[in-house]
Amino acid sequence: MRVLFAGTPDTAVPVLQALLGSRHEVVGVLTRPDAPVGRKRVLTPSPVARAAEAAGVPVVRAARLRGPEGAEPLDAVRRLAPDVAVVVAYGALVPAEALRIPLHGWLNLHFSHLPAYRGAAPVQRAVMDGVAETGADVFQLEEGLDTGPVFARLTRPVAPEDTAGDLLAALAEDGGPLVLEVLEALAAGTAHARPQSGTPTHAPKLTAADGLIDPARPVREAAARINGVTPEPGAWGRLVPEDDAGADPVRLKVGGVRPVAVMDPDWPAELGPEAPGAIRLVGRRAWLRTDGGALLLDRVQPAGKKEMAAADWARGLPGPVALLAGPALDAEQPTPTDPAHPTTGETR
């Protein structure tokens, strides 16, 4: 089959690579325009564009496919004459005019079990909700948001220490064979899509405010929140020295964490009855105390510094520190949105 691939971020690259390695022909790639990256804001091709150009595949760049701005990209897609289009996190809606171009329409690899978590950030929101398993669906794209019938599905368990980034990478790798399975069925005339069933839920884009840590929350709930926003937009808390009640809080970014409840076999007894928010170095590892347990910290980024190992950072502190928690956190004014990561999410 002649396949048009539409995608933009790193998450989409494994599926493109699977298509390039298959017996199908990738006739072109549709991706978002080059975007400024880094402190110098250098215009940089998307990860999908780089992968396509390295493979010698024609690239169509389009911020949108609607209106006058979308006319030229749509003409380019028509000239490619695809039998089917495959979408993985392209980043713009596909209008009805574009949906009608390929004979077999557009297939979307979505990282949830539809109709759960329709929208931009399905994996992130699922992890934040503390789900035990997630997965991915290949469904027929329609004009509605993630409403089309489902051709194929995969399922993956979610461990308490899994971050959204970990799961997205794993699902993207597993999604390539799933997409190929559907393409083979379409080529053979045996594909069958089933209507979605169940109550729809939605997964809107994340903002920096979604990453605010409240250590007063139960240990697994706090871990789910942190891991769900890792790596983007990132988890962060308000750090204060415990021996200076009048000090202004500073921002501390926190990477993925592993929750340990007080009753768990590997609970470090040396943590004792510390209040939620306390950060302690125990057994050469850094811990953040929460309600009912503690979070084992892996990486942190103090304000104005580079990311580092949490244990190294904690070892160099001049005194005990804590993240504001509960009422003390609520009393603080919110930190403005991080300009580096105002929002994030997988969109079609």
Protein backbone atom coordinates (compact mmCIF):
# COMPACT_ATOMS: atom_id res chain seq x y z
CA MET A 1 0.00 0.00 0.00
CA ARG A 2 1.02 3.59 -0.60
CA VAL A 3 1.21 5.19 2.85
CA LEU A 4 1.24 8.84 3.89
CA PHE A 5 2.64 9.25 7.42
CA ALA A 6 1.64 12.24 9.56
CA GLY A 7 3.55 12.93 12.77
CA THR A 8 5.85 15.40 14.48
CA PRO A 9 7.58 14.51 17.81
CA ASP A 10 10.02 11.78 18.83
CA THR A 11 7.05 9.67 19.92
CA ALA A 12 6.01 9.26 16.29
CA VAL A 13 9.41 8.21 14.92
CA PRO A 14 9.29 4.49 15.88
CA VAL A 15 6.07 4.02 13.91
CA LEU A 16 7.56 5.79 10.89
CA GLN A 17 10.63 3.56 11.12
CA ALA A 18 8.39 0.46 11.28
CA LEU A 19 6.59 1.59 8.12
CA LEU A 20 9.88 2.29 6.34
CA GLY A 21 11.03 -1.23 7.18
CA SER A 22 7.85 -2.87 5.94
CA ARG A 23 6.73 -4.00 2.48
CA HIS A 24 4.52 -0.90 2.20
CA GLU A 25 5.72 2.26 0.47
CA VAL A 26 5.90 5.48 2.48
CA VAL A 27 5.18 8.00 -0.29
CA GLY A 28 5.43 11.08 1.91
CA VAL A 29 5.47 12.52 5.40
CA LEU A 30 3.27 15.30 6.75
CA THR A 31 4.70 17.15 9.76
CA ARG A 32 4.62 20.48 11.57
CA PRO A 33 6.87 23.30 10.29
CA ASP A 34 10.40 23.78 11.63
CA ALA A 35 10.28 25.31 15.13
CA PRO A 36 12.74 27.41 17.20
CA VAL A 37 14.72 25.28 19.65
CA GLY A 38 17.13 26.14 22.47
CA ARG A 39 18.26 29.43 23.94
CA LYS A 40 19.25 30.76 20.53
CA ARG A 41 15.86 29.75 19.08
CA VAL A 42 17.39 28.05 16.06
CA LEU A 43 14.79 26.85 13.54
CA THR A 44 14.94 23.06 13.71
CA PRO A 45 13.10 20.34 11.73
CA SER A 46 10.79 18.08 13.71
CA PRO A 47 12.12 14.63 14.70
CA VAL A 48 9.78 13.07 12.12
CA ALA A 49 11.02 15.43 9.40
CA ARG A 50 14.64 14.51 10.18
CA ALA A 51 13.86 10.79 10.05
CA ALA A 52 11.98 11.15 6.75
CA GLU A 53 14.70 13.23 5.11
CA ALA A 54 17.34 10.72 6.20
CA ALA A 55 15.31 8.01 4.47
CA GLY A 56 14.82 10.09 1.31
CA VAL A 57 11.05 10.46 1.81
CA PRO A 58 9.33 13.66 0.59
CA VAL A 59 8.26 15.94 3.46
CA VAL A 60 5.21 18.22 3.53
CA ARG A 61 5.33 20.82 6.30
CA ALA A 62 2.01 22.26 7.46
CA ALA A 63 0.86 23.98 10.65
CA ARG A 64 -2.73 23.36 9.64
CA LEU A 65 -4.74 21.74 6.84
CA ARG A 66 -7.74 24.08 6.98
CA GLY A 67 -8.45 27.34 5.17
CA PRO A 68 -6.11 29.19 2.79
CA GLU A 69 -3.07 28.15 4.81
CA GLY A 70 -3.89 24.48 4.27
CA ALA A 71 -4.62 24.62 0.54
CA GLU A 72 -1.05 24.05 -0.66
CA PRO A 73 -0.30 21.18 1.79
CA LEU A 74 -3.57 19.48 0.79
CA ASP A 75 -2.63 19.72 -2.88
CA ALA A 76 0.75 18.17 -2.03
CA VAL A 77 -0.98 15.31 -0.22
CA ARG A 78 -3.27 14.71 -3.24
CA ARG A 79 -0.28 14.53 -5.57
CA LEU A 80 1.25 11.82 -3.36
CA ALA A 81 -1.86 9.68 -4.06
CA PRO A 82 -1.76 7.62 -0.84
CA ASP A 83 -3.91 4.52 -0.36
CA VAL A 84 -4.00 5.20 3.38
CA ALA A 85 -2.65 7.73 5.87
CA VAL A 86 -1.23 6.89 9.31
CA VAL A 87 -1.26 9.55 12.04
CA VAL A 88 0.82 9.56 15.23
CA ALA A 89 0.89 12.86 17.13
CA TYR A 90 0.84 15.13 14.07
CA GLY A 91 -0.31 18.13 16.09
CA ALA A 92 -3.22 19.52 14.02
CA LEU A 93 -6.77 18.47 13.21
CA VAL A 94 -7.39 16.70 9.90
CA PRO A 95 -10.39 18.25 8.11
CA ALA A 96 -13.03 16.30 6.17
CA GLU A 97 -11.52 17.35 2.84
CA ALA A 98 -8.23 15.68 3.78
CA LEU A 99 -9.92 12.62 5.28
CA ARG A 100 -11.43 11.83 1.88
CA ILE A 101 -8.13 11.79 -0.04
CA PRO A 102 -6.80 8.26 0.73
CA LEU A 103 -8.91 5.30 -0.42
CA HIS A 104 -8.77 3.71 3.05
CA GLY A 105 -8.91 6.97 4.98
CA TRP A 106 -6.68 7.88 7.92
CA LEU A 107 -5.58 5.57 10.74
CA ASN A 108 -4.67 7.13 14.09
CA LEU A 109 -2.48 5.44 16.70
CA HIS A 110 -3.83 6.81 19.97
CA PHE A 111 -2.21 6.05 23.31
CA SER A 112 -5.23 4.92 25.32
CA HIS A 113 -8.08 2.44 25.19
CA LEU A 114 -10.77 4.54 23.55
CA PRO A 115 -13.16 6.07 24.42
CA ALA A 116 -11.09 6.64 27.59
CA TYR A 117 -8.69 9.59 27.52
CA ARG A 118 -9.69 11.17 24.24
CA GLY A 119 -7.58 14.22 23.56
CA ALA A 120 -4.06 15.60 23.72
CA ALA A 121 -2.46 13.95 26.76
CA PRO A 122 -3.86 10.42 27.22
CA VAL A 123 -0.79 8.78 28.74
CA GLN A 124 -0.01 11.70 31.02
CA ARG A 125 -3.55 11.89 32.37
CA ALA A 126 -3.76 8.11 32.81
CA VAL A 127 -0.58 8.04 34.88
CA MET A 128 -1.79 11.00 36.94
CA ASP A 129 -4.99 9.06 37.64
CA GLY A 130 -2.98 6.10 38.94
CA VAL A 131 -4.29 3.53 36.45
CA ALA A 132 -2.95 -0.03 36.65
CA GLU A 133 -2.78 -0.50 32.89
CA THR A 134 -2.97 1.49 29.70
CA GLY A 135 -2.47 0.79 26.03
CA ALA A 136 -2.92 2.02 22.48
CA ASP A 137 -5.60 1.80 19.80
CA VAL A 138 -5.43 2.04 16.03
CA PHE A 139 -8.70 3.63 14.97
CA GLN A 140 -10.31 5.20 11.91
CA LEU A 141 -9.96 8.96 12.03
CA GLU A 142 -13.22 10.92 11.77
CA GLU A 143 -14.11 14.59 12.09
CA GLY A 144 -14.96 14.08 15.78
CA LEU A 145 -12.18 14.10 18.38
CA ASP A 146 -10.93 10.49 18.67
CA THR A 147 -14.42 9.09 18.00
CA GLY A 148 -13.80 6.60 15.17
CA PRO A 149 -14.12 2.79 15.25
CA VAL A 150 -11.15 0.75 16.52
CA PHE A 151 -9.23 -1.76 14.36
CA ALA A 152 -6.67 -3.06 16.87
CA ARG A 153 -5.53 -2.64 20.46
CA LEU A 154 -2.57 -3.39 22.72
CA THR A 155 -2.40 -3.33 26.51
CA ARG A 156 0.50 -2.54 28.85
CA PRO A 157 0.70 -2.55 32.67
CA VAL A 158 1.68 0.63 34.50
CA ALA A 159 4.16 0.28 37.39
CA PRO A 160 4.07 2.83 40.25
CA GLU A 161 7.45 4.22 39.15
CA ASP A 162 6.62 4.48 35.42
CA THR A 163 6.67 8.01 34.06
CA ALA A 164 4.56 9.26 31.18
CA GLY A 165 7.75 9.53 29.15
CA ASP A 166 8.63 5.88 29.83
CA LEU A 167 5.17 4.69 28.80
CA LEU A 168 4.98 6.86 25.69
CA ALA A 169 8.31 5.50 24.47
CA ALA A 170 7.24 1.90 25.12
CA LEU A 171 3.82 2.33 23.51
CA ALA A 172 5.36 4.02 20.47
CA GLU A 173 7.70 1.06 19.95
CA ASP A 174 4.86 -1.44 20.38
CA GLY A 175 2.59 0.69 18.20
CA GLY A 176 4.61 0.15 15.03
CA PRO A 177 3.76 -3.58 14.72
CA LEU A 178 0.15 -2.80 15.67
CA VAL A 179 -0.17 -0.31 12.80
CA LEU A 180 1.42 -2.80 10.39
CA GLU A 181 -1.07 -5.45 11.51
CA VAL A 182 -3.95 -3.17 10.52
CA LEU A 183 -2.34 -2.23 7.19
CA GLU A 184 -1.92 -5.90 6.30
CA ALA A 185 -5.59 -6.51 7.08
CA LEU A 186 -6.64 -3.52 4.97
CA ALA A 187 -4.50 -4.73 2.07
CA ALA A 188 -6.05 -8.19 2.34
CA GLY A 189 -9.59 -6.87 2.66
CA THR A 190 -10.04 -8.52 6.08
CA ALA A 191 -9.87 -5.45 8.34
CA HIS A 192 -12.78 -4.95 10.70
CA ALA A 193 -13.25 -1.92 12.93
CA ARG A 194 -15.48 -2.04 16.00
CA PRO A 195 -17.35 1.01 17.31
CA GLN A 196 -16.05 2.42 20.56
CA SER A 197 -18.02 1.38 23.62
CA GLY A 198 -18.11 2.78 27.13
CA THR A 199 -18.23 6.21 28.70
CA PRO A 200 -15.86 8.72 27.07
CA THR A 201 -13.32 10.53 29.21
CA HIS A 202 -11.06 13.36 28.14
CA ALA A 203 -7.35 14.15 28.42
CA PRO A 204 -6.74 17.87 27.87
CA LYS A 205 -3.27 19.32 27.41
CA LEU A 206 -1.13 19.80 30.48
CA THR A 207 0.16 23.11 31.78
CA ALA A 208 2.97 23.92 34.18
CA ALA A 209 0.39 24.28 36.95
CA ASP A 210 -0.41 20.55 36.60
CA GLY A 211 3.10 19.79 37.83
CA LEU A 212 2.85 21.47 41.24
CA ILE A 213 3.73 18.94 43.97
CA ASP A 214 1.74 18.77 47.21
CA PRO A 215 3.54 16.36 49.56
CA ALA A 216 0.49 16.38 51.85
CA ARG A 217 -1.25 14.06 49.38
CA PRO A 218 -1.19 10.25 49.90
CA VAL A 219 2.08 8.72 48.77
CA ARG A 220 0.83 6.92 45.64
CA GLU A 221 -1.32 9.87 44.58
CA ALA A 222 1.65 12.22 44.90
CA ALA A 223 3.84 9.83 42.90
CA ALA A 224 1.22 9.51 40.15
CA ARG A 225 1.04 13.28 39.81
CA ILE A 226 4.82 13.65 39.52
CA ASN A 227 5.29 10.72 37.15
CA GLY A 228 2.39 11.81 34.97
CA VAL A 229 3.97 15.19 34.17
CA THR A 230 7.48 13.75 33.67
CA PRO A 231 9.32 14.72 31.50
CA GLU A 232 6.98 17.53 30.38
CA PRO A 233 5.81 19.97 31.57
CA GLY A 234 7.70 18.70 34.63
CA ALA A 235 6.98 18.36 38.35
CA TRP A 236 8.02 21.12 40.71
CA GLY A 237 7.64 22.16 44.32
CA ARG A 238 8.27 25.15 46.57
CA LEU A 239 11.46 24.57 48.54
CA VAL A 240 12.20 26.24 51.88
CA PRO A 241 14.91 25.79 54.55
CA GLU A 242 13.35 24.28 57.67
CA ASP A 243 15.39 26.51 60.01
CA ASP A 244 14.26 29.80 58.40
CA ALA A 245 10.50 30.22 58.59
CA GLY A 246 10.63 33.61 56.86
CA ALA A 247 12.59 32.53 53.79
CA ASP A 248 10.98 32.89 50.38
CA PRO A 249 10.31 29.56 48.66
CA VAL A 250 12.38 28.68 45.60
CA ARG A 251 11.43 26.37 42.79
CA LEU A 252 12.70 22.77 42.77
CA LYS A 253 12.00 20.55 39.76
CA VAL A 254 11.68 16.84 40.44
CA GLY A 255 12.04 13.95 37.99
CA GLY A 256 10.35 10.56 38.15
CA VAL A 257 9.83 9.03 41.60
CA ARG A 258 9.10 5.67 43.21
CA PRO A 259 6.50 5.63 45.99
CA VAL A 260 7.18 3.66 49.20
CA ALA A 261 4.43 3.37 51.81
CA VAL A 262 5.18 3.15 55.53
CA MET A 263 3.95 -0.45 55.59
CA ASP A 264 6.02 -1.56 52.57
CA PRO A 265 8.89 -4.02 53.23
CA ASP A 266 11.48 -1.57 51.85
CA TRP A 267 10.33 1.38 53.98
CA PRO A 268 13.47 3.14 55.34
CA ALA A 269 12.83 3.22 59.09
CA GLU A 270 15.39 6.01 59.50
CA LEU A 271 12.90 8.45 57.97
CA GLY A 272 10.90 8.30 61.17
CA PRO A 273 7.90 10.56 61.78
CA GLU A 274 8.98 13.41 59.50
CA ALA A 275 6.22 15.78 58.36
CA PRO A 276 5.05 15.70 54.71
CA GLY A 277 7.39 17.79 52.58
CA ALA A 278 10.58 16.98 54.48
CA ILE A 279 13.50 15.91 52.24
CA ARG A 280 16.03 13.61 53.86
CA LEU A 281 19.13 11.69 52.79
CA VAL A 282 18.77 8.10 54.01
CA GLY A 283 20.85 5.17 52.85
CA ARG A 284 22.65 7.40 50.31
CA ARG A 285 19.31 8.16 48.66
CA ALA A 286 17.11 11.25 48.75
CA TRP A 287 13.54 10.89 50.02
CA LEU A 288 10.55 13.25 50.01
CA ARG A 289 8.15 12.57 52.88
CA THR A 290 4.42 12.45 51.98
CA ASP A 291 1.22 11.42 53.69
CA GLY A 292 1.56 7.73 54.51
CA GLY A 293 5.00 7.22 53.00
CA ALA A 294 7.81 8.78 51.01
CA LEU A 295 8.96 9.25 47.44
CA LEU A 296 12.40 8.05 46.38
CA LEU A 297 13.84 10.91 44.33
CA ASP A 298 15.98 10.23 41.28
CA ARG A 299 16.78 13.56 39.59
CA VAL A 300 16.18 17.16 40.66
CA GLN A 301 16.86 20.60 39.21
CA PRO A 302 17.35 23.40 41.74
CA ALA A 303 16.46 26.94 40.69
CA GLY A 304 19.12 28.39 38.38
CA LYS A 305 21.09 25.14 38.13
CA LYS A 306 21.34 22.11 35.89
CA GLU A 307 19.58 18.84 36.57
CA MET A 308 21.51 16.51 38.87
CA ALA A 309 21.23 13.32 40.87
CA ALA A 310 18.89 13.93 43.80
CA ALA A 311 21.23 12.25 46.29
CA ASP A 312 24.16 14.47 45.23
CA TRP A 313 22.02 17.56 45.62
CA ALA A 314 20.72 16.52 49.05
CA ARG A 315 24.23 15.67 50.22
CA GLY A 316 25.39 19.21 49.48
CA LEU A 317 22.62 21.05 51.32
CA PRO A 318 23.71 23.27 54.23
CA GLY A 319 20.74 22.21 56.35
CA PRO A 320 17.37 20.44 56.33
CA VAL A 321 14.89 21.52 53.66
CA ALA A 322 11.28 20.78 52.81
CA LEU A 323 8.70 21.36 50.10
CA LEU A 324 5.69 23.36 51.16
CA ALA A 325 2.71 21.06 51.71
CA GLY A 326 -1.00 21.32 52.42
CA PRO A 327 -2.20 24.66 53.86
CA ALA A 328 1.29 26.20 53.67
CA LEU A 329 1.37 25.46 49.93
CA ASP A 330 -2.16 26.76 49.40
CA ALA A 331 -1.22 30.06 51.04
CA GLU A 332 1.44 30.76 48.41
CA GLN A 333 0.73 32.58 45.16
CA PRO A 334 1.09 30.31 42.09
CA THR A 335 4.30 30.39 40.11
CA PRO A 336 3.84 31.75 36.56
CA THR A 337 3.75 29.23 33.72
CA ASP A 338 7.19 27.93 32.79
CA PRO A 339 7.88 29.61 29.42
CA ALA A 340 9.99 26.65 28.27
CA HIS A 341 7.10 24.20 28.60
CA PRO A 342 3.77 26.06 28.70
CA THR A 343 1.79 23.03 27.55
CA THR A 344 2.48 19.56 26.31
CA GLY A 345 0.61 16.61 24.95
CA GLU A 346 0.12 14.21 22.11
CA THR A 347 -2.33 15.52 19.51
CA ARG A 348 -3.46 14.08 16.28
